[in-house]
Amino acid sequence: MRGPKSPIKINLTDNERAELEAFLQRNDTPLRFIKRIKIIFMLEEGQSIQHISDTVRLQRRIVREWGKRFAEKRIDGLFDTPRPGRPRKNNPDSSGKS
């Protein structure tokens, strides 16, 4: 483990750990969500932000952001929030034919 321990303290409950591990077992879990879960597990182990950043190949700023979001909102904080602005015009469910 390189660098100092993370200032973000994560203590998972048994239920949270089981839920996160279940996401890792699913075949349809997006890679970005898997990385977020790995960040949380590594933060709980007390690994440094730099080491986590190198391992999951994300910037330190992003690792800190996901750690803070989890600390504030728990598992709900790991999901993407709606983006501001106008919704997309093209609907992937429509074929474009009338």
N, C-alpha and C. Protein backbone atom coordinates (compact mmCIF):
# COMPACT_ATOMS: atom_id res chain seq x y z
N MET A 1 0.85 -1.17 0.00
CA MET A 1 0.00 0.00 0.00
C MET A 1 0.90 1.23 0.00
N ARG A 2 0.81 2.02 -1.08
CA ARG A 2 1.61 3.23 -1.17
C ARG A 2 0.85 4.41 -0.60
N GLY A 3 1.58 5.36 -0.06
CA GLY A 3 0.99 6.59 0.42
C GLY A 3 0.33 6.43 1.77
N PRO A 4 -0.09 7.56 2.33
CA PRO A 4 -0.76 7.51 3.64
C PRO A 4 -2.14 6.90 3.52
N LYS A 5 -2.66 6.46 4.66
CA LYS A 5 -4.01 5.91 4.66
C LYS A 5 -5.01 6.98 4.23
N SER A 6 -6.12 6.52 3.70
CA SER A 6 -7.15 7.43 3.22
C SER A 6 -7.83 8.15 4.38
N PRO A 7 -8.13 9.43 4.21
CA PRO A 7 -8.88 10.14 5.25
C PRO A 7 -10.37 9.77 5.23
N ILE A 8 -10.80 9.07 4.19
CA ILE A 8 -12.20 8.66 4.08
C ILE A 8 -12.36 7.33 4.78
N LYS A 9 -13.14 7.32 5.84
CA LYS A 9 -13.34 6.11 6.63
C LYS A 9 -14.66 5.45 6.22
N ILE A 10 -14.57 4.21 5.81
CA ILE A 10 -15.75 3.44 5.40
C ILE A 10 -15.87 2.22 6.31
N ASN A 11 -17.02 2.05 6.90
CA ASN A 11 -17.33 0.86 7.69
C ASN A 11 -18.61 0.27 7.14
N LEU A 12 -18.48 -0.82 6.40
CA LEU A 12 -19.64 -1.46 5.79
C LEU A 12 -20.39 -2.30 6.81
N THR A 13 -21.71 -2.29 6.70
CA THR A 13 -22.51 -3.22 7.49
C THR A 13 -22.50 -4.57 6.76
N ASP A 14 -22.92 -5.61 7.44
CA ASP A 14 -22.98 -6.93 6.80
C ASP A 14 -23.93 -6.91 5.61
N ASN A 15 -25.06 -6.20 5.74
CA ASN A 15 -26.03 -6.10 4.65
C ASN A 15 -25.45 -5.35 3.45
N GLU A 16 -24.74 -4.25 3.71
CA GLU A 16 -24.13 -3.49 2.62
C GLU A 16 -23.09 -4.34 1.90
N ARG A 17 -22.27 -5.04 2.66
CA ARG A 17 -21.24 -5.88 2.06
C ARG A 17 -21.88 -6.95 1.17
N ALA A 18 -22.94 -7.59 1.67
CA ALA A 18 -23.62 -8.63 0.90
C ALA A 18 -24.22 -8.06 -0.39
N GLU A 19 -24.82 -6.87 -0.28
CA GLU A 19 -25.43 -6.25 -1.45
C GLU A 19 -24.38 -5.88 -2.49
N LEU A 20 -23.26 -5.31 -2.06
CA LEU A 20 -22.19 -4.94 -2.99
C LEU A 20 -21.57 -6.18 -3.63
N GLU A 21 -21.36 -7.23 -2.85
CA GLU A 21 -20.80 -8.46 -3.40
C GLU A 21 -21.77 -9.10 -4.41
N ALA A 22 -23.08 -8.96 -4.17
CA ALA A 22 -24.06 -9.49 -5.12
C ALA A 22 -23.96 -8.75 -6.45
N PHE A 23 -23.74 -7.43 -6.41
CA PHE A 23 -23.56 -6.68 -7.66
C PHE A 23 -22.34 -7.19 -8.42
N LEU A 24 -21.28 -7.54 -7.70
CA LEU A 24 -20.07 -8.03 -8.36
C LEU A 24 -20.29 -9.39 -9.02
N GLN A 25 -21.21 -10.17 -8.51
CA GLN A 25 -21.49 -11.51 -9.05
C GLN A 25 -22.38 -11.47 -10.29
N ARG A 26 -23.11 -10.40 -10.47
CA ARG A 26 -24.03 -10.31 -11.60
C ARG A 26 -23.28 -10.09 -12.90
N ASN A 27 -23.81 -10.63 -13.97
CA ASN A 27 -23.18 -10.48 -15.29
C ASN A 27 -23.52 -9.15 -15.96
N ASP A 28 -24.57 -8.47 -15.48
CA ASP A 28 -25.00 -7.25 -16.14
C ASP A 28 -24.59 -5.98 -15.40
N THR A 29 -23.71 -6.10 -14.41
CA THR A 29 -23.25 -4.92 -13.68
C THR A 29 -22.24 -4.16 -14.54
N PRO A 30 -22.49 -2.88 -14.81
CA PRO A 30 -21.56 -2.09 -15.64
C PRO A 30 -20.18 -1.97 -14.99
N LEU A 31 -19.15 -1.90 -15.82
CA LEU A 31 -17.78 -1.80 -15.33
C LEU A 31 -17.60 -0.58 -14.42
N ARG A 32 -18.21 0.53 -14.76
CA ARG A 32 -18.05 1.74 -13.94
C ARG A 32 -18.59 1.51 -12.53
N PHE A 33 -19.66 0.71 -12.40
CA PHE A 33 -20.22 0.42 -11.08
C PHE A 33 -19.32 -0.55 -10.32
N ILE A 34 -18.74 -1.51 -11.03
CA ILE A 34 -17.80 -2.46 -10.42
C ILE A 34 -16.60 -1.71 -9.85
N LYS A 35 -16.10 -0.73 -10.60
CA LYS A 35 -14.97 0.08 -10.11
C LYS A 35 -15.34 0.83 -8.84
N ARG A 36 -16.55 1.35 -8.78
CA ARG A 36 -17.00 2.09 -7.60
C ARG A 36 -17.05 1.17 -6.38
N ILE A 37 -17.54 -0.04 -6.60
CA ILE A 37 -17.60 -1.01 -5.50
C ILE A 37 -16.20 -1.36 -5.02
N LYS A 38 -15.28 -1.57 -5.96
CA LYS A 38 -13.89 -1.87 -5.59
C LYS A 38 -13.28 -0.73 -4.79
N ILE A 39 -13.59 0.49 -5.18
CA ILE A 39 -13.10 1.67 -4.45
C ILE A 39 -13.57 1.59 -2.99
N ILE A 40 -14.84 1.29 -2.79
CA ILE A 40 -15.39 1.23 -1.43
C ILE A 40 -14.72 0.14 -0.62
N PHE A 41 -14.55 -1.04 -1.20
CA PHE A 41 -13.90 -2.13 -0.48
C PHE A 41 -12.46 -1.76 -0.11
N MET A 42 -11.75 -1.12 -1.02
CA MET A 42 -10.37 -0.75 -0.76
C MET A 42 -10.27 0.37 0.29
N LEU A 43 -11.22 1.31 0.25
CA LEU A 43 -11.25 2.36 1.28
C LEU A 43 -11.52 1.75 2.64
N GLU A 44 -12.40 0.77 2.70
CA GLU A 44 -12.69 0.13 3.98
C GLU A 44 -11.44 -0.55 4.54
N GLU A 45 -10.62 -1.11 3.64
CA GLU A 45 -9.37 -1.75 4.07
C GLU A 45 -8.32 -0.73 4.51
N GLY A 46 -8.59 0.57 4.26
CA GLY A 46 -7.66 1.61 4.66
C GLY A 46 -6.55 1.88 3.66
N GLN A 47 -6.74 1.43 2.42
CA GLN A 47 -5.71 1.67 1.40
C GLN A 47 -5.69 3.14 1.00
N SER A 48 -4.55 3.58 0.52
CA SER A 48 -4.38 4.99 0.17
C SER A 48 -5.14 5.33 -1.11
N ILE A 49 -5.51 6.60 -1.22
CA ILE A 49 -6.19 7.09 -2.42
C ILE A 49 -5.31 6.84 -3.65
N GLN A 50 -4.01 7.07 -3.51
CA GLN A 50 -3.10 6.88 -4.65
C GLN A 50 -3.09 5.42 -5.09
N HIS A 51 -3.00 4.49 -4.16
CA HIS A 51 -2.98 3.06 -4.50
C HIS A 51 -4.30 2.65 -5.17
N ILE A 52 -5.42 3.12 -4.62
CA ILE A 52 -6.72 2.80 -5.20
C ILE A 52 -6.81 3.38 -6.61
N SER A 53 -6.38 4.61 -6.76
CA SER A 53 -6.39 5.28 -8.06
C SER A 53 -5.60 4.47 -9.09
N ASP A 54 -4.42 4.02 -8.71
CA ASP A 54 -3.59 3.23 -9.61
C ASP A 54 -4.25 1.89 -9.94
N THR A 55 -4.90 1.28 -8.96
CA THR A 55 -5.50 -0.04 -9.14
C THR A 55 -6.72 0.00 -10.06
N VAL A 56 -7.61 0.95 -9.82
CA VAL A 56 -8.84 1.00 -10.61
C VAL A 56 -8.71 1.90 -11.84
N ARG A 57 -7.55 2.52 -11.98
CA ARG A 57 -7.23 3.37 -13.13
C ARG A 57 -8.20 4.54 -13.28
N LEU A 58 -8.39 5.23 -12.17
CA LEU A 58 -9.18 6.46 -12.15
C LEU A 58 -8.36 7.53 -11.43
N GLN A 59 -8.65 8.78 -11.71
CA GLN A 59 -7.95 9.88 -11.05
C GLN A 59 -8.25 9.87 -9.55
N ARG A 60 -7.29 10.34 -8.76
CA ARG A 60 -7.48 10.41 -7.30
C ARG A 60 -8.72 11.21 -6.94
N ARG A 61 -8.96 12.27 -7.68
CA ARG A 61 -10.13 13.11 -7.44
C ARG A 61 -11.42 12.30 -7.57
N ILE A 62 -11.47 11.42 -8.54
CA ILE A 62 -12.67 10.58 -8.76
C ILE A 62 -12.81 9.56 -7.64
N VAL A 63 -11.70 8.97 -7.21
CA VAL A 63 -11.74 8.01 -6.10
C VAL A 63 -12.28 8.69 -4.84
N ARG A 64 -11.78 9.89 -4.55
CA ARG A 64 -12.26 10.63 -3.38
C ARG A 64 -13.76 10.95 -3.50
N GLU A 65 -14.17 11.35 -4.70
CA GLU A 65 -15.57 11.69 -4.91
C GLU A 65 -16.48 10.49 -4.61
N TRP A 66 -16.15 9.31 -5.12
CA TRP A 66 -17.00 8.14 -4.88
C TRP A 66 -16.96 7.71 -3.42
N GLY A 67 -15.81 7.86 -2.79
CA GLY A 67 -15.72 7.55 -1.37
C GLY A 67 -16.59 8.47 -0.54
N LYS A 68 -16.56 9.76 -0.85
CA LYS A 68 -17.37 10.73 -0.12
C LYS A 68 -18.85 10.51 -0.38
N ARG A 69 -19.20 10.22 -1.63
CA ARG A 69 -20.61 9.98 -1.94
C ARG A 69 -21.13 8.76 -1.19
N PHE A 70 -20.30 7.70 -1.11
CA PHE A 70 -20.72 6.53 -0.37
C PHE A 70 -20.87 6.85 1.11
N ALA A 71 -19.92 7.59 1.66
CA ALA A 71 -19.97 7.94 3.08
C ALA A 71 -21.23 8.73 3.41
N GLU A 72 -21.69 9.57 2.47
CA GLU A 72 -22.87 10.39 2.71
C GLU A 72 -24.18 9.67 2.43
N LYS A 73 -24.23 8.92 1.31
CA LYS A 73 -25.50 8.34 0.86
C LYS A 73 -25.51 6.82 0.86
N ARG A 74 -24.41 6.22 1.29
CA ARG A 74 -24.25 4.75 1.31
C ARG A 74 -24.41 4.18 -0.10
N ILE A 75 -25.02 3.05 -0.28
CA ILE A 75 -25.06 2.40 -1.60
C ILE A 75 -25.77 3.28 -2.64
N ASP A 76 -26.79 4.00 -2.24
CA ASP A 76 -27.48 4.88 -3.19
C ASP A 76 -26.52 5.91 -3.80
N GLY A 77 -25.47 6.27 -3.09
CA GLY A 77 -24.51 7.24 -3.60
C GLY A 77 -23.65 6.72 -4.74
N LEU A 78 -23.65 5.42 -4.96
CA LEU A 78 -22.83 4.83 -6.02
C LEU A 78 -23.52 4.85 -7.38
N PHE A 79 -24.80 5.12 -7.39
CA PHE A 79 -25.53 5.15 -8.65
C PHE A 79 -25.38 6.51 -9.32
N ASP A 80 -25.44 6.53 -10.65
CA ASP A 80 -25.36 7.78 -11.39
C ASP A 80 -26.58 8.64 -11.09
N THR A 81 -26.36 9.92 -11.02
CA THR A 81 -27.46 10.86 -10.83
C THR A 81 -27.87 11.39 -12.21
N PRO A 82 -29.12 11.81 -12.37
CA PRO A 82 -29.54 12.35 -13.66
C PRO A 82 -28.70 13.56 -14.03
N ARG A 83 -28.38 13.66 -15.29
CA ARG A 83 -27.58 14.78 -15.78
C ARG A 83 -28.48 15.99 -16.02
N PRO A 84 -27.95 17.18 -15.77
CA PRO A 84 -28.75 18.37 -16.04
C PRO A 84 -28.86 18.61 -17.55
N GLY A 85 -29.84 19.38 -17.93
CA GLY A 85 -29.96 19.75 -19.33
C GLY A 85 -31.09 19.03 -20.03
N ARG A 86 -31.19 19.31 -21.29
CA ARG A 86 -32.26 18.77 -22.11
C ARG A 86 -32.05 17.28 -22.35
N PRO A 87 -33.11 16.48 -22.28
CA PRO A 87 -32.98 15.05 -22.56
C PRO A 87 -32.58 14.80 -24.01
N ARG A 88 -32.01 13.64 -24.28
CA ARG A 88 -31.60 13.29 -25.63
C ARG A 88 -32.82 13.20 -26.55
N LYS A 89 -32.61 13.58 -27.82
CA LYS A 89 -33.70 13.55 -28.80
C LYS A 89 -33.95 12.13 -29.32
N ASN A 90 -32.89 11.43 -29.64
CA ASN A 90 -33.08 10.12 -30.25
C ASN A 90 -33.41 9.10 -29.17
N ASN A 91 -34.43 8.32 -29.43
CA ASN A 91 -34.87 7.31 -28.49
C ASN A 91 -34.43 5.95 -29.03
N PRO A 92 -33.56 5.24 -28.33
CA PRO A 92 -33.06 3.97 -28.84
C PRO A 92 -34.17 2.92 -29.00
N ASP A 93 -35.33 3.12 -28.36
CA ASP A 93 -36.42 2.17 -28.49
C ASP A 93 -37.22 2.37 -29.76
N SER A 94 -37.11 3.54 -30.36
CA SER A 94 -37.88 3.78 -31.58
C SER A 94 -37.02 3.49 -32.80
N SER A 95 -37.64 2.99 -33.82
CA SER A 95 -36.90 2.63 -35.04
C SER A 95 -36.79 3.81 -35.98
N GLY A 96 -37.49 4.90 -35.68
CA GLY A 96 -37.44 6.07 -36.55
C GLY A 96 -38.44 5.99 -37.66
N LYS A 97 -39.19 4.91 -37.74
CA LYS A 97 -40.20 4.73 -38.79
C LYS A 97 -41.58 4.98 -38.21
N SER A 98 -42.46 5.52 -39.01
CA SER A 98 -43.83 5.79 -38.55
C SER A 98 -44.80 4.76 -39.07
